[in-house]
């Protein structure tokens, strides 16, 4: 968690909650949170209450043309982040950074 906060410190410190910018049939509040700063956003998806991995589709809403996403600590880059299939391991979090 500390590495993630350091990597996205500006979003954690100066970001604004905007949970309405993401949706999912699988991931719901409080396991789906969005921080924004201008057009940049960080979508956090948690799996704290399950003993198995959870997979679902993340829908990012109101994207600007040309925005791309990166999955934190992965080599996965997403050129069209409007729908992303995400798997969150037990007791873990996936962070999707959209610019």
PDB file of N, CA and C in Angstrom:
ATOM      1  N   UNK A   1       0.819  -1.194   0.000  1.00  0.00           N
ATOM      2  CA  UNK A   1       0.000   0.000   0.000  1.00  0.00           C
ATOM      3  C   UNK A   1       0.866   1.262   0.000  1.00  0.00           C
ATOM      4  N   UNK A   2       1.978   1.215   0.714  1.00  0.00           N
ATOM      5  CA  UNK A   2       2.837   2.383   0.799  1.00  0.00           C
ATOM      6  C   UNK A   2       3.418   2.746  -0.566  1.00  0.00           C
ATOM      7  N   UNK A   3       3.826   1.734  -1.343  1.00  0.00           N
ATOM      8  CA  UNK A   3       4.368   2.004  -2.677  1.00  0.00           C
ATOM      9  C   UNK A   3       3.311   2.627  -3.574  1.00  0.00           C
ATOM     10  N   UNK A   4       2.075   2.154  -3.470  1.00  0.00           N
ATOM     11  CA  UNK A   4       1.000   2.708  -4.290  1.00  0.00           C
ATOM     12  C   UNK A   4       0.735   4.163  -3.914  1.00  0.00           C
ATOM     13  N   UNK A   5       0.680   4.437  -2.637  1.00  0.00           N
ATOM     14  CA  UNK A   5       0.434   5.814  -2.199  1.00  0.00           C
ATOM     15  C   UNK A   5       1.560   6.717  -2.668  1.00  0.00           C
ATOM     16  N   UNK A   6       2.791   6.249  -2.598  1.00  0.00           N
ATOM     17  CA  UNK A   6       3.922   7.053  -3.067  1.00  0.00           C
ATOM     18  C   UNK A   6       3.851   7.275  -4.575  1.00  0.00           C
ATOM     19  N   UNK A   7       3.462   6.249  -5.326  1.00  0.00           N
ATOM     20  CA  UNK A   7       3.394   6.358  -6.786  1.00  0.00           C
ATOM     21  C   UNK A   7       2.318   7.347  -7.233  1.00  0.00           C
ATOM     22  N   UNK A   8       1.215   7.401  -6.494  1.00  0.00           N
ATOM     23  CA  UNK A   8       0.089   8.258  -6.878  1.00  0.00           C
ATOM     24  C   UNK A   8      -0.207   9.288  -5.787  1.00  0.00           C
ATOM     25  N   UNK A   9       0.854   9.771  -5.154  1.00  0.00           N
ATOM     26  CA  UNK A   9       0.708  10.682  -4.017  1.00  0.00           C
ATOM     27  C   UNK A   9      -0.159  11.889  -4.331  1.00  0.00           C
ATOM     28  N   UNK A  10       0.011  12.464  -5.530  1.00  0.00           N
ATOM     29  CA  UNK A  10      -0.777  13.661  -5.865  1.00  0.00           C
ATOM     30  C   UNK A  10      -2.269  13.354  -5.906  1.00  0.00           C
ATOM     31  N   UNK A  11      -2.653  12.172  -6.386  1.00  0.00           N
ATOM     32  CA  UNK A  11      -4.075  11.818  -6.421  1.00  0.00           C
ATOM     33  C   UNK A  11      -4.608  11.528  -5.021  1.00  0.00           C
ATOM     34  N   UNK A  12      -3.805  10.866  -4.187  1.00  0.00           N
ATOM     35  CA  UNK A  12      -4.249  10.598  -2.814  1.00  0.00           C
ATOM     36  C   UNK A  12      -4.318  11.890  -2.002  1.00  0.00           C
ATOM     37  N   UNK A  13      -3.397  12.807  -2.237  1.00  0.00           N
ATOM     38  CA  UNK A  13      -3.348  14.038  -1.451  1.00  0.00           C
ATOM     39  C   UNK A  13      -4.316  15.102  -1.970  1.00  0.00           C
ATOM     40  N   UNK A  14      -4.308  15.334  -3.288  1.00  0.00           N
ATOM     41  CA  UNK A  14      -5.099  16.420  -3.868  1.00  0.00           C
ATOM     42  C   UNK A  14      -6.313  15.943  -4.657  1.00  0.00           C
ATOM     43  N   UNK A  15      -6.485  14.642  -4.770  1.00  0.00           N
ATOM     44  CA  UNK A  15      -7.583  14.102  -5.570  1.00  0.00           C
ATOM     45  C   UNK A  15      -8.945  14.298  -4.923  1.00  0.00           C
ATOM     46  N   UNK A  16      -9.951  14.192  -5.759  1.00  0.00           N
ATOM     47  CA  UNK A  16     -11.337  14.338  -5.324  1.00  0.00           C
ATOM     48  C   UNK A  16     -12.047  13.019  -5.587  1.00  0.00           C
ATOM     49  N   UNK A  17     -12.853  12.571  -4.637  1.00  0.00           N
ATOM     50  CA  UNK A  17     -13.621  11.342  -4.832  1.00  0.00           C
ATOM     51  C   UNK A  17     -14.659  11.558  -5.915  1.00  0.00           C
ATOM     52  N   UNK A  18     -14.727  10.613  -6.850  1.00  0.00           N
ATOM     53  CA  UNK A  18     -15.700  10.678  -7.945  1.00  0.00           C
ATOM     54  C   UNK A  18     -16.103   9.261  -8.320  1.00  0.00           C
ATOM     55  N   UNK A  19     -16.691   8.550  -7.375  1.00  0.00           N
ATOM     56  CA  UNK A  19     -17.057   7.151  -7.576  1.00  0.00           C
ATOM     57  C   UNK A  19     -18.043   6.951  -8.722  1.00  0.00           C
ATOM     58  N   UNK A  20     -18.743   7.998  -9.117  1.00  0.00           N
ATOM     59  CA  UNK A  20     -19.718   7.905 -10.210  1.00  0.00           C
ATOM     60  C   UNK A  20     -19.052   7.752 -11.581  1.00  0.00           C
ATOM     61  N   UNK A  21     -17.716   7.838 -11.651  1.00  0.00           N
ATOM     62  CA  UNK A  21     -17.009   7.699 -12.920  1.00  0.00           C
ATOM     63  C   UNK A  21     -16.641   6.260 -13.248  1.00  0.00           C
ATOM     64  N   UNK A  22     -16.997   5.322 -12.366  1.00  0.00           N
ATOM     65  CA  UNK A  22     -16.727   3.905 -12.621  1.00  0.00           C
ATOM     66  C   UNK A  22     -17.938   3.087 -12.191  1.00  0.00           C
ATOM     67  N   UNK A  23     -18.134   1.973 -12.888  1.00  0.00           N
ATOM     68  CA  UNK A  23     -19.255   1.080 -12.569  1.00  0.00           C
ATOM     69  C   UNK A  23     -18.832  -0.355 -12.827  1.00  0.00           C
ATOM     70  N   UNK A  24     -19.508  -1.275 -12.173  1.00  0.00           N
ATOM     71  CA  UNK A  24     -19.250  -2.694 -12.366  1.00  0.00           C
ATOM     72  C   UNK A  24     -20.414  -3.487 -11.786  1.00  0.00           C
ATOM     73  N   UNK A  25     -20.745  -4.589 -12.445  1.00  0.00           N
ATOM     74  CA  UNK A  25     -21.746  -5.489 -11.874  1.00  0.00           C
ATOM     75  C   UNK A  25     -21.147  -6.312 -10.737  1.00  0.00           C
ATOM     76  N   UNK A  26     -19.825  -6.466 -10.742  1.00  0.00           N
ATOM     77  CA  UNK A  26     -19.140  -7.294  -9.743  1.00  0.00           C
ATOM     78  C   UNK A  26     -18.611  -6.467  -8.579  1.00  0.00           C
ATOM     79  N   UNK A  27     -17.929  -5.383  -8.891  1.00  0.00           N
ATOM     80  CA  UNK A  27     -17.282  -4.556  -7.876  1.00  0.00           C
ATOM     81  C   UNK A  27     -18.175  -3.371  -7.536  1.00  0.00           C
ATOM     82  N   UNK A  28     -18.483  -3.221  -6.267  1.00  0.00           N
ATOM     83  CA  UNK A  28     -19.360  -2.143  -5.806  1.00  0.00           C
ATOM     84  C   UNK A  28     -18.724  -1.465  -4.589  1.00  0.00           C
ATOM     85  N   UNK A  29     -19.174  -0.236  -4.299  1.00  0.00           N
ATOM     86  CA  UNK A  29     -18.731   0.464  -3.103  1.00  0.00           C
ATOM     87  C   UNK A  29     -18.994  -0.428  -1.887  1.00  0.00           C
ATOM     88  N   UNK A  30     -18.100  -0.578  -0.962  1.00  0.00           N
ATOM     89  CA  UNK A  30     -16.853   0.149  -0.745  1.00  0.00           C
ATOM     90  C   UNK A  30     -15.638  -0.494  -1.420  1.00  0.00           C
ATOM     91  N   UNK A  31     -15.849  -1.466  -2.283  1.00  0.00           N
ATOM     92  CA  UNK A  31     -14.742  -2.140  -2.957  1.00  0.00           C
ATOM     93  C   UNK A  31     -14.356  -1.496  -4.284  1.00  0.00           C
ATOM     94  N   UNK A  32     -15.007  -0.412  -4.662  1.00  0.00           N
ATOM     95  CA  UNK A  32     -14.708   0.312  -5.897  1.00  0.00           C
ATOM     96  C   UNK A  32     -14.722   1.803  -5.593  1.00  0.00           C
ATOM     97  N   UNK A  33     -13.541   2.431  -5.670  1.00  0.00           N
ATOM     98  CA  UNK A  33     -13.404   3.853  -5.357  1.00  0.00           C
ATOM     99  C   UNK A  33     -12.657   4.556  -6.484  1.00  0.00           C
ATOM    100  N   UNK A  34     -12.967   5.832  -6.708  1.00  0.00           N
ATOM    101  CA  UNK A  34     -12.306   6.601  -7.760  1.00  0.00           C
ATOM    102  C   UNK A  34     -11.825   7.927  -7.181  1.00  0.00           C
ATOM    103  N   UNK A  35     -10.545   8.230  -7.455  1.00  0.00           N
ATOM    104  CA  UNK A  35      -9.968   9.532  -7.128  1.00  0.00           C
ATOM    105  C   UNK A  35      -9.636  10.233  -8.436  1.00  0.00           C
ATOM    106  N   UNK A  36      -9.939  11.530  -8.529  1.00  0.00           N
ATOM    107  CA  UNK A  36      -9.644  12.278  -9.749  1.00  0.00           C
ATOM    108  C   UNK A  36      -8.859  13.537  -9.422  1.00  0.00           C
ATOM    109  N   UNK A  37      -8.108  13.971 -10.411  1.00  0.00           N
ATOM    110  CA  UNK A  37      -7.430  15.264 -10.363  1.00  0.00           C
ATOM    111  C   UNK A  37      -7.395  15.739 -11.802  1.00  0.00           C
ATOM    112  N   UNK A  38      -8.272  16.666 -12.142  1.00  0.00           N
ATOM    113  CA  UNK A  38      -8.445  17.057 -13.536  1.00  0.00           C
ATOM    114  C   UNK A  38      -9.003  15.877 -14.314  1.00  0.00           C
ATOM    115  N   UNK A  39      -8.409  15.572 -15.466  1.00  0.00           N
ATOM    116  CA  UNK A  39      -8.861  14.432 -16.277  1.00  0.00           C
ATOM    117  C   UNK A  39      -8.208  13.122 -15.860  1.00  0.00           C
ATOM    118  N   UNK A  40      -7.239  13.185 -14.968  1.00  0.00           N
ATOM    119  CA  UNK A  40      -6.549  11.989 -14.488  1.00  0.00           C
ATOM    120  C   UNK A  40      -7.393  11.329 -13.402  1.00  0.00           C
ATOM    121  N   UNK A  41      -7.378   9.994 -13.392  1.00  0.00           N
ATOM    122  CA  UNK A  41      -8.106   9.301 -12.330  1.00  0.00           C
ATOM    123  C   UNK A  41      -7.397   8.033 -11.909  1.00  0.00           C
ATOM    124  N   UNK A  42      -7.663   7.636 -10.685  1.00  0.00           N
ATOM    125  CA  UNK A  42      -7.152   6.397 -10.121  1.00  0.00           C
ATOM    126  C   UNK A  42      -8.348   5.614  -9.610  1.00  0.00           C
ATOM    127  N   UNK A  43      -8.564   4.445 -10.192  1.00  0.00           N
ATOM    128  CA  UNK A  43      -9.667   3.579  -9.789  1.00  0.00           C
ATOM    129  C   UNK A  43      -9.076   2.473  -8.914  1.00  0.00           C
ATOM    130  N   UNK A  44      -9.600   2.336  -7.704  1.00  0.00           N
ATOM    131  CA  UNK A  44      -9.130   1.329  -6.758  1.00  0.00           C
ATOM    132  C   UNK A  44     -10.203   0.266  -6.589  1.00  0.00           C
ATOM    133  N   UNK A  45      -9.814  -0.996  -6.784  1.00  0.00           N
ATOM    134  CA  UNK A  45     -10.743  -2.112  -6.661  1.00  0.00           C
ATOM    135  C   UNK A  45     -10.179  -3.071  -5.616  1.00  0.00           C
ATOM    136  N   UNK A  46     -10.928  -3.297  -4.560  1.00  0.00           N
ATOM    137  CA  UNK A  46     -10.472  -4.096  -3.431  1.00  0.00           C
ATOM    138  C   UNK A  46     -11.155  -5.465  -3.412  1.00  0.00           C
ATOM    139  N   UNK A  47     -10.436  -6.448  -2.867  1.00  0.00           N
ATOM    140  CA  UNK A  47     -10.991  -7.780  -2.606  1.00  0.00           C
ATOM    141  C   UNK A  47     -10.581  -8.162  -1.191  1.00  0.00           C
ATOM    142  N   UNK A  48     -11.216  -7.552  -0.218  1.00  0.00           N
ATOM    143  CA  UNK A  48     -10.855  -7.791   1.177  1.00  0.00           C
ATOM    144  C   UNK A  48     -11.730  -8.840   1.848  1.00  0.00           C
ATOM    145  N   UNK A  49     -12.894  -9.111   1.299  1.00  0.00           N
ATOM    146  CA  UNK A  49     -13.819  -9.979   1.995  1.00  0.00           C
ATOM    147  C   UNK A  49     -13.963 -11.374   1.411  1.00  0.00           C
ATOM    148  N   UNK A  50     -13.119 -11.720   0.453  1.00  0.00           N
ATOM    149  CA  UNK A  50     -13.259 -13.016  -0.203  1.00  0.00           C
ATOM    150  C   UNK A  50     -11.960 -13.798  -0.086  1.00  0.00           C
ATOM    151  N   UNK A  51     -12.075 -15.123  -0.022  1.00  0.00           N
ATOM    152  CA  UNK A  51     -10.884 -15.966   0.068  1.00  0.00           C
ATOM    153  C   UNK A  51     -10.435 -16.460  -1.303  1.00  0.00           C
ATOM    154  N   UNK A  52     -11.164 -16.052  -2.353  1.00  0.00           N
ATOM    155  CA  UNK A  52     -10.817 -16.438  -3.717  1.00  0.00           C
ATOM    156  C   UNK A  52     -10.654 -15.180  -4.565  1.00  0.00           C
ATOM    157  N   UNK A  53      -9.940 -15.282  -5.682  1.00  0.00           N
ATOM    158  CA  UNK A  53      -9.872 -14.141  -6.599  1.00  0.00           C
ATOM    159  C   UNK A  53     -11.268 -13.787  -7.104  1.00  0.00           C
ATOM    160  N   UNK A  54     -11.479 -12.512  -7.371  1.00  0.00           N
ATOM    161  CA  UNK A  54     -12.747 -12.026  -7.913  1.00  0.00           C
ATOM    162  C   UNK A  54     -12.451 -11.367  -9.260  1.00  0.00           C
ATOM    163  N   UNK A  55     -13.207 -11.770 -10.282  1.00  0.00           N
ATOM    164  CA  UNK A  55     -13.036 -11.221 -11.627  1.00  0.00           C
ATOM    165  C   UNK A  55     -14.321 -10.532 -12.056  1.00  0.00           C
ATOM    166  N   UNK A  56     -14.161  -9.383 -12.671  1.00  0.00           N
ATOM    167  CA  UNK A  56     -15.314  -8.652 -13.180  1.00  0.00           C
ATOM    168  C   UNK A  56     -14.862  -7.623 -14.200  1.00  0.00           C
ATOM    169  N   UNK A  57     -15.827  -6.950 -14.798  1.00  0.00           N
ATOM    170  CA  UNK A  57     -15.540  -5.908 -15.772  1.00  0.00           C
ATOM    171  C   UNK A  57     -15.710  -4.544 -15.133  1.00  0.00           C
ATOM    172  N   UNK A  58     -14.675  -3.728 -15.260  1.00  0.00           N
ATOM    173  CA  UNK A  58     -14.701  -2.353 -14.800  1.00  0.00           C
ATOM    174  C   UNK A  58     -15.111  -1.474 -15.974  1.00  0.00           C
ATOM    175  N   UNK A  59     -16.141  -0.680 -15.783  1.00  0.00           N
ATOM    176  CA  UNK A  59     -16.586   0.273 -16.799  1.00  0.00           C
ATOM    177  C   UNK A  59     -16.187   1.667 -16.333  1.00  0.00           C
ATOM    178  N   UNK A  60     -15.335   2.320 -17.111  1.00  0.00           N
ATOM    179  CA  UNK A  60     -14.926   3.688 -16.808  1.00  0.00           C
ATOM    180  C   UNK A  60     -15.788   4.629 -17.633  1.00  0.00           C
ATOM    181  N   UNK A  61     -16.478   5.516 -16.945  1.00  0.00           N
ATOM    182  CA  UNK A  61     -17.458   6.393 -17.569  1.00  0.00           C
ATOM    183  C   UNK A  61     -16.885   7.791 -17.789  1.00  0.00           C
ATOM    184  N   UNK A  62     -17.445   8.490 -18.771  1.00  0.00           N
ATOM    185  CA  UNK A  62     -17.100   9.882 -19.068  1.00  0.00           C
ATOM    186  C   UNK A  62     -15.611  10.066 -19.346  1.00  0.00           C
ATOM    187  N   UNK A  63     -15.021   9.156 -20.111  1.00  0.00           N
ATOM    188  CA  UNK A  63     -13.625   9.278 -20.495  1.00  0.00           C
ATOM    189  C   UNK A  63     -13.468  10.328 -21.589  1.00  0.00           C
ATOM    190  N   UNK A  64     -12.331  10.976 -21.609  1.00  0.00           N
ATOM    191  CA  UNK A  64     -12.002  11.927 -22.675  1.00  0.00           C
ATOM    192  C   UNK A  64     -11.392  11.138 -23.833  1.00  0.00           C
ATOM    193  N   UNK A  65     -11.539  11.606 -25.065  1.00  0.00           N
ATOM    194  CA  UNK A  65     -10.917  10.918 -26.203  1.00  0.00           C
ATOM    195  C   UNK A  65      -9.401  10.791 -26.006  1.00  0.00           C
ATOM    196  N   UNK A  66      -8.892   9.607 -26.298  1.00  0.00           N
ATOM    197  CA  UNK A  66      -7.452   9.365 -26.220  1.00  0.00           C
ATOM    198  C   UNK A  66      -6.919   8.969 -24.861  1.00  0.00           C
ATOM    199  N   UNK A  67      -7.767   8.922 -23.845  1.00  0.00           N
ATOM    200  CA  UNK A  67      -7.268   8.509 -22.535  1.00  0.00           C
ATOM    201  C   UNK A  67      -6.880   7.034 -22.568  1.00  0.00           C
ATOM    202  N   UNK A  68      -5.804   6.715 -21.827  1.00  0.00           N
ATOM    203  CA  UNK A  68      -5.305   5.356 -21.734  1.00  0.00           C
ATOM    204  C   UNK A  68      -5.171   4.985 -20.269  1.00  0.00           C
ATOM    205  N   UNK A  69      -5.068   3.692 -20.002  1.00  0.00           N
ATOM    206  CA  UNK A  69      -4.966   3.230 -18.624  1.00  0.00           C
ATOM    207  C   UNK A  69      -3.751   2.330 -18.447  1.00  0.00           C
ATOM    208  N   UNK A  70      -3.242   2.324 -17.239  1.00  0.00           N
ATOM    209  CA  UNK A  70      -2.173   1.419 -16.840  1.00  0.00           C
ATOM    210  C   UNK A  70      -2.603   0.746 -15.551  1.00  0.00           C
ATOM    211  N   UNK A  71      -2.368  -0.551 -15.474  1.00  0.00           N
ATOM    212  CA  UNK A  71      -2.662  -1.303 -14.252  1.00  0.00           C
ATOM    213  C   UNK A  71      -1.408  -1.257 -13.385  1.00  0.00           C
ATOM    214  N   UNK A  72      -1.545  -0.765 -12.176  1.00  0.00           N
ATOM    215  CA  UNK A  72      -0.399  -0.575 -11.275  1.00  0.00           C
ATOM    216  C   UNK A  72       0.322  -1.887 -11.032  1.00  0.00           C
ATOM    217  N   UNK A  73       1.649  -1.822 -11.060  1.00  0.00           N
ATOM    218  CA  UNK A  73       2.559  -2.949 -10.844  1.00  0.00           C
ATOM    219  C   UNK A  73       2.328  -4.099 -11.815  1.00  0.00           C
ATOM    220  N   UNK A  74       1.917  -3.772 -13.009  1.00  0.00           N
ATOM    221  CA  UNK A  74       1.743  -4.769 -14.059  1.00  0.00           C
ATOM    222  C   UNK A  74       2.239  -4.152 -15.341  1.00  0.00           C
ATOM    223  N   UNK A  75       2.484  -4.960 -16.306  1.00  0.00           N
ATOM    224  CA  UNK A  75       2.900  -4.431 -17.601  1.00  0.00           C
ATOM    225  C   UNK A  75       1.696  -4.158 -18.488  1.00  0.00           C
ATOM    226  N   UNK A  76       0.503  -4.354 -17.944  1.00  0.00           N
ATOM    227  CA  UNK A  76      -0.706  -4.200 -18.745  1.00  0.00           C
ATOM    228  C   UNK A  76      -1.026  -2.730 -18.987  1.00  0.00           C
ATOM    229  N   UNK A  77      -1.054  -2.362 -20.258  1.00  0.00           N
ATOM    230  CA  UNK A  77      -1.467  -1.039 -20.701  1.00  0.00           C
ATOM    231  C   UNK A  77      -2.778  -1.224 -21.460  1.00  0.00           C
ATOM    232  N   UNK A  78      -3.721  -0.324 -21.275  1.00  0.00           N
ATOM    233  CA  UNK A  78      -5.033  -0.450 -21.896  1.00  0.00           C
ATOM    234  C   UNK A  78      -5.279   0.788 -22.757  1.00  0.00           C
ATOM    235  N   UNK A  79      -5.377   0.573 -24.071  1.00  0.00           N
ATOM    236  CA  UNK A  79      -5.565   1.709 -24.974  1.00  0.00           C
ATOM    237  C   UNK A  79      -7.011   2.203 -25.000  1.00  0.00           C
ATOM    238  N   UNK A  80      -7.960   1.330 -24.657  1.00  0.00           N
ATOM    239  CA  UNK A  80      -9.361   1.740 -24.562  1.00  0.00           C
ATOM    240  C   UNK A  80      -9.885   1.318 -23.188  1.00  0.00           C
ATOM    241  N   UNK A  81      -9.771   2.204 -22.193  1.00  0.00           N
ATOM    242  CA  UNK A  81     -10.134   1.822 -20.830  1.00  0.00           C
ATOM    243  C   UNK A  81     -11.628   1.887 -20.499  1.00  0.00           C
ATOM    244  N   UNK A  82     -12.494   1.980 -21.496  1.00  0.00           N
ATOM    245  CA  UNK A  82     -13.924   2.070 -21.188  1.00  0.00           C
ATOM    246  C   UNK A  82     -14.449   0.785 -20.548  1.00  0.00           C
ATOM    247  N   UNK A  83     -13.900  -0.373 -20.916  1.00  0.00           N
ATOM    248  CA  UNK A  83     -14.261  -1.658 -20.314  1.00  0.00           C
ATOM    249  C   UNK A  83     -12.980  -2.462 -20.120  1.00  0.00           C
ATOM    250  N   UNK A  84     -12.679  -2.807 -18.879  1.00  0.00           N
ATOM    251  CA  UNK A  84     -11.468  -3.560 -18.573  1.00  0.00           C
ATOM    252  C   UNK A  84     -11.841  -4.761 -17.707  1.00  0.00           C
ATOM    253  N   UNK A  85     -11.413  -5.942 -18.132  1.00  0.00           N
ATOM    254  CA  UNK A  85     -11.618  -7.139 -17.309  1.00  0.00           C
ATOM    255  C   UNK A  85     -10.524  -7.156 -16.242  1.00  0.00           C
ATOM    256  N   UNK A  86     -10.943  -7.236 -14.980  1.00  0.00           N
ATOM    257  CA  UNK A  86     -10.033  -7.128 -13.838  1.00  0.00           C
ATOM    258  C   UNK A  86     -10.193  -8.362 -12.951  1.00  0.00           C
ATOM    259  N   UNK A  87      -9.071  -8.892 -12.482  1.00  0.00           N
ATOM    260  CA  UNK A  87      -9.071  -9.926 -11.450  1.00  0.00           C
ATOM    261  C   UNK A  87      -8.319  -9.382 -10.251  1.00  0.00           C
ATOM    262  N   UNK A  88      -8.962  -9.445  -9.087  1.00  0.00           N
ATOM    263  CA  UNK A  88      -8.342  -8.981  -7.850  1.00  0.00           C
ATOM    264  C   UNK A  88      -8.134 -10.205  -6.956  1.00  0.00           C
ATOM    265  N   UNK A  89      -6.896 -10.410  -6.565  1.00  0.00           N
ATOM    266  CA  UNK A  89      -6.559 -11.536  -5.699  1.00  0.00           C
ATOM    267  C   UNK A  89      -7.111 -11.302  -4.290  1.00  0.00           C
ATOM    268  N   UNK A  90      -7.286 -12.365  -3.494  1.00  0.00           N
ATOM    269  CA  UNK A  90      -7.802 -12.208  -2.130  1.00  0.00           C
ATOM    270  C   UNK A  90      -6.921 -11.276  -1.300  1.00  0.00           C
ATOM    271  N   UNK A  91      -7.559 -10.468  -0.499  1.00  0.00           N
ATOM    272  CA  UNK A  91      -6.892  -9.531   0.388  1.00  0.00           C
ATOM    273  C   UNK A  91      -5.921  -8.613  -0.354  1.00  0.00           C
ATOM    274  N   UNK A  92      -6.327  -8.171  -1.543  1.00  0.00           N
ATOM    275  CA  UNK A  92      -5.457  -7.334  -2.380  1.00  0.00           C
ATOM    276  C   UNK A  92      -6.278  -6.209  -3.013  1.00  0.00           C
ATOM    277  N   UNK A  93      -5.591  -5.367  -3.749  1.00  0.00           N
ATOM    278  CA  UNK A  93      -6.213  -4.243  -4.453  1.00  0.00           C
ATOM    279  C   UNK A  93      -5.590  -4.143  -5.844  1.00  0.00           C
ATOM    280  N   UNK A  94      -6.390  -3.737  -6.814  1.00  0.00           N
ATOM    281  CA  UNK A  94      -5.908  -3.407  -8.148  1.00  0.00           C
ATOM    282  C   UNK A  94      -6.156  -1.915  -8.344  1.00  0.00           C
ATOM    283  N   UNK A  95      -5.118  -1.223  -8.837  1.00  0.00           N
ATOM    284  CA  UNK A  95      -5.237   0.205  -9.115  1.00  0.00           C
ATOM    285  C   UNK A  95      -5.131   0.408 -10.614  1.00  0.00           C
ATOM    286  N   UNK A  96      -6.112   1.109 -11.181  1.00  0.00           N
ATOM    287  CA  UNK A  96      -6.125   1.428 -12.595  1.00  0.00           C
ATOM    288  C   UNK A  96      -5.915   2.933 -12.717  1.00  0.00           C
ATOM    289  N   UNK A  97      -4.809   3.319 -13.355  1.00  0.00           N
ATOM    290  CA  UNK A  97      -4.452   4.723 -13.494  1.00  0.00           C
ATOM    291  C   UNK A  97      -4.814   5.163 -14.901  1.00  0.00           C
ATOM    292  N   UNK A  98      -5.678   6.150 -15.015  1.00  0.00           N
ATOM    293  CA  UNK A  98      -6.154   6.627 -16.314  1.00  0.00           C
ATOM    294  C   UNK A  98      -5.671   8.057 -16.520  1.00  0.00           C
ATOM    295  N   UNK A  99      -5.031   8.264 -17.696  1.00  0.00           N
ATOM    296  CA  UNK A  99      -4.538   9.610 -18.066  1.00  0.00           C
ATOM    297  C   UNK A  99      -4.991   9.928 -19.457  1.00  0.00           C
TER     298      UNK A  99
END
